[in-house]
Amino acid sequence: MKIRVQLFAGAKQLAGRDHVELTVPETARVSDLRQALVQTVPGLEPLLQRARIAIDLEFADDAAPIRPTSEIAVIPPVSGG
């Protein structure tokens, strides 16, 4: 299935774009999404180890399934002071 992943902050900067379109299996989970993102944009790998993935506006763990209609976003860690 084809999915679109929104990228924010550091993820957007590393990828040089605000989204990535991927093809993943129908049975894909967040862990599969992370692998597909690294294959498509290798520069994201260090950030993805710490980033949260949101599906339909809620944080999801690596076992969460992805549906074709899911709204997906990569949320990098936040720092500041």
N, C-alpha and C. Protein backbone atom coordinates (compact mmCIF):
# COMPACT_ATOMS: atom_id res chain seq x y z
N MET A 1 0.85 -1.18 0.00
CA MET A 1 0.00 0.00 0.00
C MET A 1 0.89 1.24 0.00
N LYS A 2 0.35 2.31 -0.54
CA LYS A 2 1.08 3.58 -0.55
C LYS A 2 0.64 4.41 0.64
N ILE A 3 1.64 4.99 1.31
CA ILE A 3 1.35 5.86 2.44
C ILE A 3 2.17 7.14 2.31
N ARG A 4 1.70 8.16 3.00
CA ARG A 4 2.40 9.45 3.03
C ARG A 4 2.75 9.72 4.49
N VAL A 5 4.01 10.08 4.71
CA VAL A 5 4.50 10.32 6.06
C VAL A 5 4.93 11.78 6.16
N GLN A 6 4.30 12.53 7.06
CA GLN A 6 4.66 13.93 7.29
C GLN A 6 5.92 13.98 8.16
N LEU A 7 6.82 14.88 7.83
CA LEU A 7 8.06 15.07 8.58
C LEU A 7 8.08 16.46 9.19
N PHE A 8 8.51 16.54 10.44
CA PHE A 8 8.55 17.81 11.14
C PHE A 8 9.94 18.08 11.70
N ALA A 9 10.24 19.35 11.90
CA ALA A 9 11.47 19.83 12.58
C ALA A 9 12.72 19.17 11.98
N GLY A 10 13.51 18.52 12.82
CA GLY A 10 14.77 17.93 12.39
C GLY A 10 14.61 16.88 11.30
N ALA A 11 13.52 16.12 11.33
CA ALA A 11 13.27 15.11 10.29
C ALA A 11 13.08 15.80 8.93
N LYS A 12 12.35 16.88 8.94
CA LYS A 12 12.11 17.65 7.72
C LYS A 12 13.43 18.21 7.18
N GLN A 13 14.25 18.73 8.08
CA GLN A 13 15.55 19.29 7.66
C GLN A 13 16.47 18.21 7.09
N LEU A 14 16.55 17.07 7.77
CA LEU A 14 17.42 15.99 7.29
C LEU A 14 16.98 15.43 5.95
N ALA A 15 15.67 15.33 5.75
CA ALA A 15 15.14 14.78 4.50
C ALA A 15 15.11 15.82 3.38
N GLY A 16 15.12 17.10 3.74
CA GLY A 16 15.04 18.15 2.73
C GLY A 16 13.66 18.28 2.12
N ARG A 17 12.65 17.76 2.83
CA ARG A 17 11.27 17.84 2.35
C ARG A 17 10.33 17.64 3.53
N ASP A 18 9.08 17.99 3.34
CA ASP A 18 8.13 17.92 4.46
C ASP A 18 7.33 16.63 4.52
N HIS A 19 7.51 15.76 3.52
CA HIS A 19 6.84 14.46 3.56
C HIS A 19 7.59 13.46 2.69
N VAL A 20 7.30 12.19 2.93
CA VAL A 20 7.86 11.10 2.14
C VAL A 20 6.70 10.19 1.78
N GLU A 21 6.68 9.74 0.53
CA GLU A 21 5.69 8.75 0.12
C GLU A 21 6.39 7.41 0.00
N LEU A 22 5.78 6.39 0.62
CA LEU A 22 6.38 5.06 0.68
C LEU A 22 5.37 4.01 0.23
N THR A 23 5.90 2.88 -0.20
CA THR A 23 5.08 1.70 -0.43
C THR A 23 5.48 0.67 0.60
N VAL A 24 4.52 0.23 1.39
CA VAL A 24 4.76 -0.76 2.45
C VAL A 24 3.75 -1.89 2.28
N PRO A 25 4.03 -3.07 2.87
CA PRO A 25 3.09 -4.18 2.77
C PRO A 25 1.74 -3.84 3.44
N GLU A 26 0.69 -4.51 3.02
CA GLU A 26 -0.64 -4.31 3.61
C GLU A 26 -0.64 -4.58 5.11
N THR A 27 0.27 -5.43 5.57
CA THR A 27 0.33 -5.81 6.99
C THR A 27 1.35 -4.98 7.76
N ALA A 28 1.76 -3.86 7.20
CA ALA A 28 2.83 -3.04 7.80
C ALA A 28 2.47 -2.53 9.19
N ARG A 29 3.50 -2.46 10.00
CA ARG A 29 3.40 -1.91 11.35
C ARG A 29 4.40 -0.75 11.43
N VAL A 30 4.39 -0.04 12.52
CA VAL A 30 5.29 1.12 12.68
C VAL A 30 6.75 0.69 12.52
N SER A 31 7.12 -0.47 13.03
CA SER A 31 8.52 -0.94 12.87
C SER A 31 8.88 -1.07 11.39
N ASP A 32 7.95 -1.54 10.56
CA ASP A 32 8.19 -1.64 9.11
C ASP A 32 8.32 -0.25 8.50
N LEU A 33 7.53 0.67 8.99
CA LEU A 33 7.60 2.05 8.52
C LEU A 33 8.97 2.64 8.79
N ARG A 34 9.50 2.43 9.99
CA ARG A 34 10.83 2.95 10.33
C ARG A 34 11.88 2.40 9.36
N GLN A 35 11.82 1.11 9.07
CA GLN A 35 12.78 0.50 8.14
C GLN A 35 12.64 1.10 6.74
N ALA A 36 11.42 1.27 6.29
CA ALA A 36 11.19 1.83 4.96
C ALA A 36 11.69 3.27 4.88
N LEU A 37 11.51 4.04 5.94
CA LEU A 37 12.00 5.42 5.96
C LEU A 37 13.52 5.46 5.87
N VAL A 38 14.20 4.58 6.60
CA VAL A 38 15.67 4.56 6.56
C VAL A 38 16.16 4.16 5.17
N GLN A 39 15.47 3.22 4.53
CA GLN A 39 15.86 2.82 3.17
C GLN A 39 15.66 3.95 2.17
N THR A 40 14.61 4.74 2.37
CA THR A 40 14.29 5.82 1.43
C THR A 40 15.12 7.07 1.71
N VAL A 41 15.31 7.39 2.99
CA VAL A 41 16.07 8.58 3.41
C VAL A 41 17.07 8.14 4.49
N PRO A 42 18.22 7.59 4.07
CA PRO A 42 19.18 7.05 5.04
C PRO A 42 19.61 8.05 6.12
N GLY A 43 19.63 9.32 5.82
CA GLY A 43 20.04 10.33 6.78
C GLY A 43 19.12 10.43 7.99
N LEU A 44 17.93 9.85 7.91
CA LEU A 44 16.99 9.90 9.04
C LEU A 44 17.28 8.85 10.11
N GLU A 45 18.14 7.88 9.82
CA GLU A 45 18.32 6.76 10.75
C GLU A 45 18.64 7.17 12.18
N PRO A 46 19.63 8.05 12.43
CA PRO A 46 19.91 8.41 13.83
C PRO A 46 18.72 9.07 14.52
N LEU A 47 18.00 9.90 13.81
CA LEU A 47 16.86 10.59 14.40
C LEU A 47 15.70 9.62 14.67
N LEU A 48 15.48 8.67 13.77
CA LEU A 48 14.36 7.74 13.92
C LEU A 48 14.50 6.85 15.14
N GLN A 49 15.72 6.66 15.63
CA GLN A 49 15.91 5.85 16.83
C GLN A 49 15.30 6.52 18.05
N ARG A 50 15.16 7.85 18.01
CA ARG A 50 14.62 8.60 19.14
C ARG A 50 13.27 9.24 18.86
N ALA A 51 12.87 9.29 17.59
CA ALA A 51 11.63 9.96 17.20
C ALA A 51 10.41 9.13 17.56
N ARG A 52 9.29 9.82 17.75
CA ARG A 52 8.00 9.15 17.96
C ARG A 52 7.26 9.15 16.63
N ILE A 53 6.46 8.15 16.43
CA ILE A 53 5.61 8.06 15.25
C ILE A 53 4.17 8.26 15.71
N ALA A 54 3.47 9.15 15.03
CA ALA A 54 2.06 9.37 15.34
C ALA A 54 1.21 8.83 14.18
N ILE A 55 0.17 8.11 14.57
CA ILE A 55 -0.79 7.61 13.59
C ILE A 55 -2.15 8.17 13.98
N ASP A 56 -2.75 8.87 13.05
CA ASP A 56 -4.06 9.48 13.28
C ASP A 56 -4.06 10.32 14.56
N LEU A 57 -3.02 11.14 14.71
CA LEU A 57 -2.87 12.12 15.78
C LEU A 57 -2.61 11.52 17.17
N GLU A 58 -2.22 10.25 17.23
CA GLU A 58 -1.87 9.62 18.50
C GLU A 58 -0.54 8.92 18.36
N PHE A 59 0.30 9.02 19.40
CA PHE A 59 1.58 8.32 19.37
C PHE A 59 1.32 6.82 19.30
N ALA A 60 2.15 6.13 18.51
CA ALA A 60 1.99 4.69 18.30
C ALA A 60 3.30 3.98 18.61
N ASP A 61 3.19 2.78 19.17
CA ASP A 61 4.40 1.99 19.40
C ASP A 61 4.74 1.21 18.12
N ASP A 62 5.88 0.55 18.13
CA ASP A 62 6.36 -0.13 16.92
C ASP A 62 5.46 -1.27 16.44
N ALA A 63 4.61 -1.79 17.31
CA ALA A 63 3.72 -2.89 16.92
C ALA A 63 2.40 -2.41 16.33
N ALA A 64 2.16 -1.11 16.35
CA ALA A 64 0.88 -0.57 15.87
C ALA A 64 0.75 -0.77 14.36
N PRO A 65 -0.42 -1.21 13.92
CA PRO A 65 -0.65 -1.40 12.48
C PRO A 65 -0.86 -0.08 11.76
N ILE A 66 -0.55 -0.10 10.48
CA ILE A 66 -0.76 1.06 9.62
C ILE A 66 -1.83 0.70 8.60
N ARG A 67 -2.81 1.57 8.46
CA ARG A 67 -3.87 1.37 7.48
C ARG A 67 -3.64 2.32 6.29
N PRO A 68 -4.18 2.00 5.14
CA PRO A 68 -3.99 2.88 3.98
C PRO A 68 -4.47 4.30 4.20
N THR A 69 -5.45 4.48 5.07
CA THR A 69 -6.01 5.81 5.31
C THR A 69 -5.36 6.53 6.49
N SER A 70 -4.36 5.90 7.12
CA SER A 70 -3.72 6.50 8.31
C SER A 70 -3.02 7.81 7.98
N GLU A 71 -3.16 8.77 8.89
CA GLU A 71 -2.38 10.00 8.83
C GLU A 71 -1.15 9.74 9.70
N ILE A 72 0.04 9.77 9.08
CA ILE A 72 1.27 9.37 9.76
C ILE A 72 2.23 10.55 9.83
N ALA A 73 2.88 10.69 10.99
CA ALA A 73 3.85 11.78 11.16
C ALA A 73 5.03 11.30 11.99
N VAL A 74 6.21 11.82 11.65
CA VAL A 74 7.43 11.59 12.43
C VAL A 74 7.62 12.81 13.31
N ILE A 75 7.66 12.58 14.64
CA ILE A 75 7.80 13.66 15.60
C ILE A 75 9.17 13.51 16.27
N PRO A 76 10.14 14.34 15.89
CA PRO A 76 11.47 14.24 16.50
C PRO A 76 11.43 14.63 17.98
N PRO A 77 12.44 14.20 18.73
CA PRO A 77 12.49 14.61 20.13
C PRO A 77 12.56 16.12 20.25
N VAL A 78 11.98 16.63 21.31
CA VAL A 78 11.94 18.08 21.54
C VAL A 78 12.96 18.42 22.61
N SER A 79 13.71 19.49 22.37
CA SER A 79 14.64 19.96 23.39
C SER A 79 14.46 21.46 23.52
N GLY A 80 14.96 21.98 24.56
CA GLY A 80 14.86 23.41 24.75
C GLY A 80 15.04 23.77 26.21
N GLY A 81 14.86 24.98 26.50
CA GLY A 81 15.03 25.37 27.89
C GLY A 81 14.57 26.77 28.15
